[in-house]
């Protein structure tokens, strides 16, 4: 099932929302990126990461768009790595 995560501003943070619930935030003042929270939001607990659509709702904000693109690129790289590891693990089991 496709997961849609919307990138918006939540008070003083950039946030990804899934079904109107904040799943991941980045503070606007220091732009600290918590890797553990990122993993928990997108990949932990058997979350389906194979069909995620990230939507930037802040296209008019250059800083927000830059942050969105960084997260989007990181997501792609993590998914590629996880898929590659799953293929390797699948081949070892055969």
N, C-alpha and C. Protein backbone atom coordinates (compact mmCIF):
# COMPACT_ATOMS: atom_id res chain seq x y z
N UNK A 1 0.83 -1.17 0.00
CA UNK A 1 0.00 0.00 0.00
C UNK A 1 0.88 1.25 0.00
N UNK A 2 0.59 2.17 -0.86
CA UNK A 2 1.39 3.38 -1.00
C UNK A 2 1.27 4.25 0.24
N UNK A 3 2.43 4.70 0.72
CA UNK A 3 2.47 5.64 1.84
C UNK A 3 2.75 7.02 1.27
N UNK A 4 1.95 7.99 1.66
CA UNK A 4 2.13 9.37 1.22
C UNK A 4 2.52 10.20 2.43
N UNK A 5 3.68 10.84 2.33
CA UNK A 5 4.16 11.70 3.40
C UNK A 5 4.29 13.12 2.87
N UNK A 6 3.64 14.04 3.56
CA UNK A 6 3.62 15.44 3.13
C UNK A 6 4.59 16.25 3.98
N UNK A 7 5.43 17.03 3.29
CA UNK A 7 6.43 17.88 3.93
C UNK A 7 5.82 19.26 4.13
N UNK A 8 5.70 19.66 5.41
CA UNK A 8 5.08 20.94 5.74
C UNK A 8 5.82 21.59 6.90
N UNK A 9 5.39 22.80 7.27
CA UNK A 9 5.95 23.47 8.43
C UNK A 9 5.03 23.22 9.61
N UNK A 10 5.65 22.85 10.74
CA UNK A 10 4.93 22.64 11.98
C UNK A 10 5.58 23.53 13.02
N UNK A 11 4.98 24.66 13.34
CA UNK A 11 5.53 25.64 14.27
C UNK A 11 6.92 26.05 13.83
N UNK A 12 7.95 25.65 14.58
CA UNK A 12 9.32 26.04 14.22
C UNK A 12 10.11 24.87 13.65
N UNK A 13 9.39 23.94 13.04
CA UNK A 13 10.03 22.75 12.48
C UNK A 13 9.50 22.44 11.09
N UNK A 14 10.37 21.80 10.31
CA UNK A 14 9.92 21.18 9.07
C UNK A 14 9.47 19.78 9.47
N UNK A 15 8.38 19.32 8.90
CA UNK A 15 7.85 18.04 9.34
C UNK A 15 7.27 17.25 8.18
N UNK A 16 7.39 15.92 8.28
CA UNK A 16 6.73 15.01 7.36
C UNK A 16 5.51 14.45 8.07
N UNK A 17 4.37 14.55 7.42
CA UNK A 17 3.11 14.08 7.96
C UNK A 17 2.63 12.87 7.17
N UNK A 18 2.14 11.89 7.90
CA UNK A 18 1.48 10.75 7.29
C UNK A 18 0.10 10.64 7.92
N UNK A 19 -0.94 10.79 7.09
CA UNK A 19 -2.31 10.79 7.59
C UNK A 19 -2.50 11.86 8.67
N UNK A 20 -1.97 13.05 8.43
CA UNK A 20 -2.08 14.20 9.34
C UNK A 20 -1.38 14.00 10.69
N UNK A 21 -0.48 13.03 10.77
CA UNK A 21 0.30 12.79 11.99
C UNK A 21 1.77 13.04 11.67
N UNK A 22 2.45 13.82 12.51
CA UNK A 22 3.87 14.09 12.31
C UNK A 22 4.65 12.82 12.57
N UNK A 23 5.44 12.40 11.57
CA UNK A 23 6.26 11.21 11.74
C UNK A 23 7.75 11.53 11.83
N UNK A 24 8.14 12.71 11.32
CA UNK A 24 9.56 13.09 11.36
C UNK A 24 9.67 14.61 11.29
N UNK A 25 10.54 15.18 12.14
CA UNK A 25 10.72 16.63 12.18
C UNK A 25 12.19 17.01 12.13
N UNK A 26 12.42 18.20 11.58
CA UNK A 26 13.74 18.81 11.57
C UNK A 26 13.56 20.24 12.08
N UNK A 27 14.25 20.59 13.15
CA UNK A 27 14.13 21.92 13.73
C UNK A 27 14.66 22.96 12.74
N UNK A 28 13.89 24.03 12.53
CA UNK A 28 14.29 25.06 11.57
C UNK A 28 15.49 25.87 12.04
N UNK A 29 15.67 26.00 13.35
CA UNK A 29 16.74 26.86 13.84
C UNK A 29 18.12 26.25 13.70
N UNK A 30 18.25 24.94 13.96
CA UNK A 30 19.58 24.33 13.88
C UNK A 30 19.69 23.26 12.80
N UNK A 31 18.56 22.88 12.19
CA UNK A 31 18.51 21.88 11.12
C UNK A 31 19.16 20.56 11.51
N UNK A 32 19.11 20.23 12.80
CA UNK A 32 19.65 18.96 13.26
C UNK A 32 18.80 17.81 12.74
N UNK A 33 19.48 16.80 12.25
CA UNK A 33 18.83 15.64 11.64
C UNK A 33 19.07 14.44 12.54
N UNK A 34 18.03 13.96 13.19
CA UNK A 34 18.15 12.83 14.09
C UNK A 34 17.99 11.54 13.29
N UNK A 35 19.08 10.82 13.13
CA UNK A 35 19.10 9.61 12.30
C UNK A 35 18.17 8.54 12.87
N UNK A 36 18.17 8.38 14.17
CA UNK A 36 17.31 7.37 14.79
C UNK A 36 15.83 7.68 14.51
N UNK A 37 15.44 8.93 14.68
CA UNK A 37 14.05 9.31 14.41
C UNK A 37 13.70 9.14 12.93
N UNK A 38 14.66 9.41 12.06
CA UNK A 38 14.46 9.22 10.63
C UNK A 38 14.18 7.75 10.33
N UNK A 39 15.01 6.88 10.88
CA UNK A 39 14.83 5.44 10.68
C UNK A 39 13.47 4.99 11.22
N UNK A 40 13.13 5.43 12.42
CA UNK A 40 11.86 5.04 13.03
C UNK A 40 10.67 5.50 12.19
N UNK A 41 10.76 6.67 11.61
CA UNK A 41 9.64 7.22 10.84
C UNK A 41 9.43 6.50 9.51
N UNK A 42 10.51 6.08 8.87
CA UNK A 42 10.38 5.56 7.52
C UNK A 42 10.61 4.05 7.37
N UNK A 43 11.37 3.44 8.27
CA UNK A 43 11.80 2.07 8.02
C UNK A 43 11.55 1.06 9.15
N UNK A 44 11.40 1.50 10.37
CA UNK A 44 11.31 0.59 11.52
C UNK A 44 9.97 -0.14 11.58
N UNK A 45 9.96 -1.17 12.40
CA UNK A 45 8.72 -1.91 12.70
C UNK A 45 7.98 -2.39 11.46
N UNK A 46 8.73 -2.90 10.51
CA UNK A 46 8.14 -3.44 9.28
C UNK A 46 7.32 -2.44 8.49
N UNK A 47 7.65 -1.15 8.59
CA UNK A 47 6.95 -0.15 7.77
C UNK A 47 7.28 -0.42 6.31
N UNK A 48 6.29 -0.24 5.47
CA UNK A 48 6.50 -0.47 4.04
C UNK A 48 7.23 0.73 3.44
N UNK A 49 8.48 0.54 3.07
CA UNK A 49 9.26 1.62 2.48
C UNK A 49 9.37 1.47 0.97
N UNK A 50 8.79 0.41 0.42
CA UNK A 50 8.94 0.13 -1.00
C UNK A 50 8.11 1.05 -1.88
N UNK A 51 7.09 1.67 -1.33
CA UNK A 51 6.22 2.54 -2.12
C UNK A 51 5.84 3.77 -1.31
N UNK A 52 6.83 4.66 -1.13
CA UNK A 52 6.61 5.90 -0.39
C UNK A 52 6.66 7.06 -1.37
N UNK A 53 5.69 7.92 -1.27
CA UNK A 53 5.68 9.15 -2.07
C UNK A 53 5.85 10.32 -1.12
N UNK A 54 6.93 11.09 -1.31
CA UNK A 54 7.15 12.30 -0.53
C UNK A 54 6.61 13.47 -1.32
N UNK A 55 5.78 14.29 -0.68
CA UNK A 55 5.19 15.45 -1.35
C UNK A 55 5.65 16.72 -0.65
N UNK A 56 6.26 17.62 -1.41
CA UNK A 56 6.71 18.89 -0.86
C UNK A 56 5.56 19.89 -0.95
N UNK A 57 4.98 20.25 0.19
CA UNK A 57 3.89 21.21 0.23
C UNK A 57 4.42 22.64 0.37
N UNK A 58 5.75 22.81 0.40
CA UNK A 58 6.39 24.10 0.61
C UNK A 58 7.21 24.52 -0.59
N UNK A 59 6.70 24.33 -1.77
CA UNK A 59 7.48 24.57 -2.99
C UNK A 59 7.91 26.03 -3.15
N UNK A 60 7.24 26.96 -2.51
CA UNK A 60 7.61 28.36 -2.62
C UNK A 60 8.71 28.78 -1.68
N UNK A 61 9.14 27.91 -0.81
CA UNK A 61 10.16 28.20 0.19
C UNK A 61 11.46 27.50 -0.23
N UNK A 62 12.46 28.30 -0.64
CA UNK A 62 13.72 27.73 -1.15
C UNK A 62 14.45 26.89 -0.11
N UNK A 63 14.50 27.37 1.14
CA UNK A 63 15.18 26.60 2.19
C UNK A 63 14.46 25.28 2.43
N UNK A 64 13.15 25.33 2.52
CA UNK A 64 12.37 24.11 2.74
C UNK A 64 12.57 23.13 1.59
N UNK A 65 12.58 23.64 0.37
CA UNK A 65 12.75 22.78 -0.80
C UNK A 65 14.12 22.12 -0.78
N UNK A 66 15.15 22.85 -0.37
CA UNK A 66 16.50 22.28 -0.28
C UNK A 66 16.53 21.15 0.75
N UNK A 67 15.90 21.36 1.88
CA UNK A 67 15.85 20.33 2.93
C UNK A 67 15.04 19.14 2.45
N UNK A 68 13.92 19.40 1.80
CA UNK A 68 13.09 18.32 1.26
C UNK A 68 13.89 17.46 0.29
N UNK A 69 14.63 18.10 -0.61
CA UNK A 69 15.41 17.36 -1.60
C UNK A 69 16.51 16.52 -0.94
N UNK A 70 17.11 17.04 0.12
CA UNK A 70 18.13 16.27 0.85
C UNK A 70 17.51 15.02 1.48
N UNK A 71 16.36 15.18 2.12
CA UNK A 71 15.69 14.03 2.73
C UNK A 71 15.25 13.05 1.66
N UNK A 72 14.72 13.58 0.56
CA UNK A 72 14.28 12.72 -0.54
C UNK A 72 15.44 11.90 -1.10
N UNK A 73 16.59 12.53 -1.28
CA UNK A 73 17.77 11.83 -1.80
C UNK A 73 18.25 10.78 -0.80
N UNK A 74 18.27 11.13 0.47
CA UNK A 74 18.68 10.19 1.49
C UNK A 74 17.75 8.98 1.51
N UNK A 75 16.45 9.24 1.41
CA UNK A 75 15.47 8.15 1.36
C UNK A 75 15.78 7.20 0.21
N UNK A 76 16.02 7.75 -0.97
CA UNK A 76 16.30 6.93 -2.14
C UNK A 76 17.54 6.07 -1.92
N UNK A 77 18.58 6.66 -1.36
CA UNK A 77 19.82 5.93 -1.14
C UNK A 77 19.64 4.81 -0.10
N UNK A 78 18.90 5.09 0.96
CA UNK A 78 18.66 4.07 1.98
C UNK A 78 17.83 2.92 1.40
N UNK A 79 16.78 3.26 0.64
CA UNK A 79 15.93 2.23 0.04
C UNK A 79 16.75 1.36 -0.92
N UNK A 80 17.60 1.99 -1.74
CA UNK A 80 18.45 1.23 -2.65
C UNK A 80 19.36 0.28 -1.88
N UNK A 81 19.96 0.78 -0.81
CA UNK A 81 20.87 -0.05 -0.01
C UNK A 81 20.11 -1.20 0.65
N UNK A 82 18.95 -0.91 1.21
CA UNK A 82 18.15 -1.97 1.84
C UNK A 82 17.73 -3.02 0.82
N UNK A 83 17.32 -2.57 -0.36
CA UNK A 83 16.92 -3.52 -1.41
C UNK A 83 18.10 -4.38 -1.85
N UNK A 84 19.27 -3.77 -1.97
CA UNK A 84 20.47 -4.51 -2.36
C UNK A 84 20.82 -5.54 -1.29
N UNK A 85 20.74 -5.14 -0.02
CA UNK A 85 21.05 -6.06 1.07
C UNK A 85 20.04 -7.21 1.12
N UNK A 86 18.78 -6.92 0.83
CA UNK A 86 17.76 -7.97 0.84
C UNK A 86 18.05 -8.97 -0.28
N UNK A 87 18.51 -8.48 -1.44
CA UNK A 87 18.85 -9.38 -2.55
C UNK A 87 20.04 -10.26 -2.17
N UNK A 88 21.03 -9.68 -1.53
CA UNK A 88 22.21 -10.44 -1.11
C UNK A 88 21.79 -11.49 -0.08
N UNK A 89 20.99 -11.10 0.88
CA UNK A 89 20.52 -12.04 1.91
C UNK A 89 19.69 -13.16 1.26
N UNK A 90 18.85 -12.80 0.29
CA UNK A 90 18.03 -13.80 -0.40
C UNK A 90 18.89 -14.80 -1.16
N UNK A 91 19.98 -14.34 -1.77
CA UNK A 91 20.87 -15.23 -2.50
C UNK A 91 21.66 -16.14 -1.56
N UNK A 92 21.98 -15.65 -0.36
CA UNK A 92 22.72 -16.48 0.61
C UNK A 92 21.85 -17.64 1.09
N UNK A 93 20.56 -17.42 1.20
CA UNK A 93 19.66 -18.45 1.71
C UNK A 93 19.45 -19.57 0.71
N UNK A 94 19.71 -19.32 -0.55
CA UNK A 94 19.48 -20.34 -1.60
C UNK A 94 20.56 -21.37 -1.63
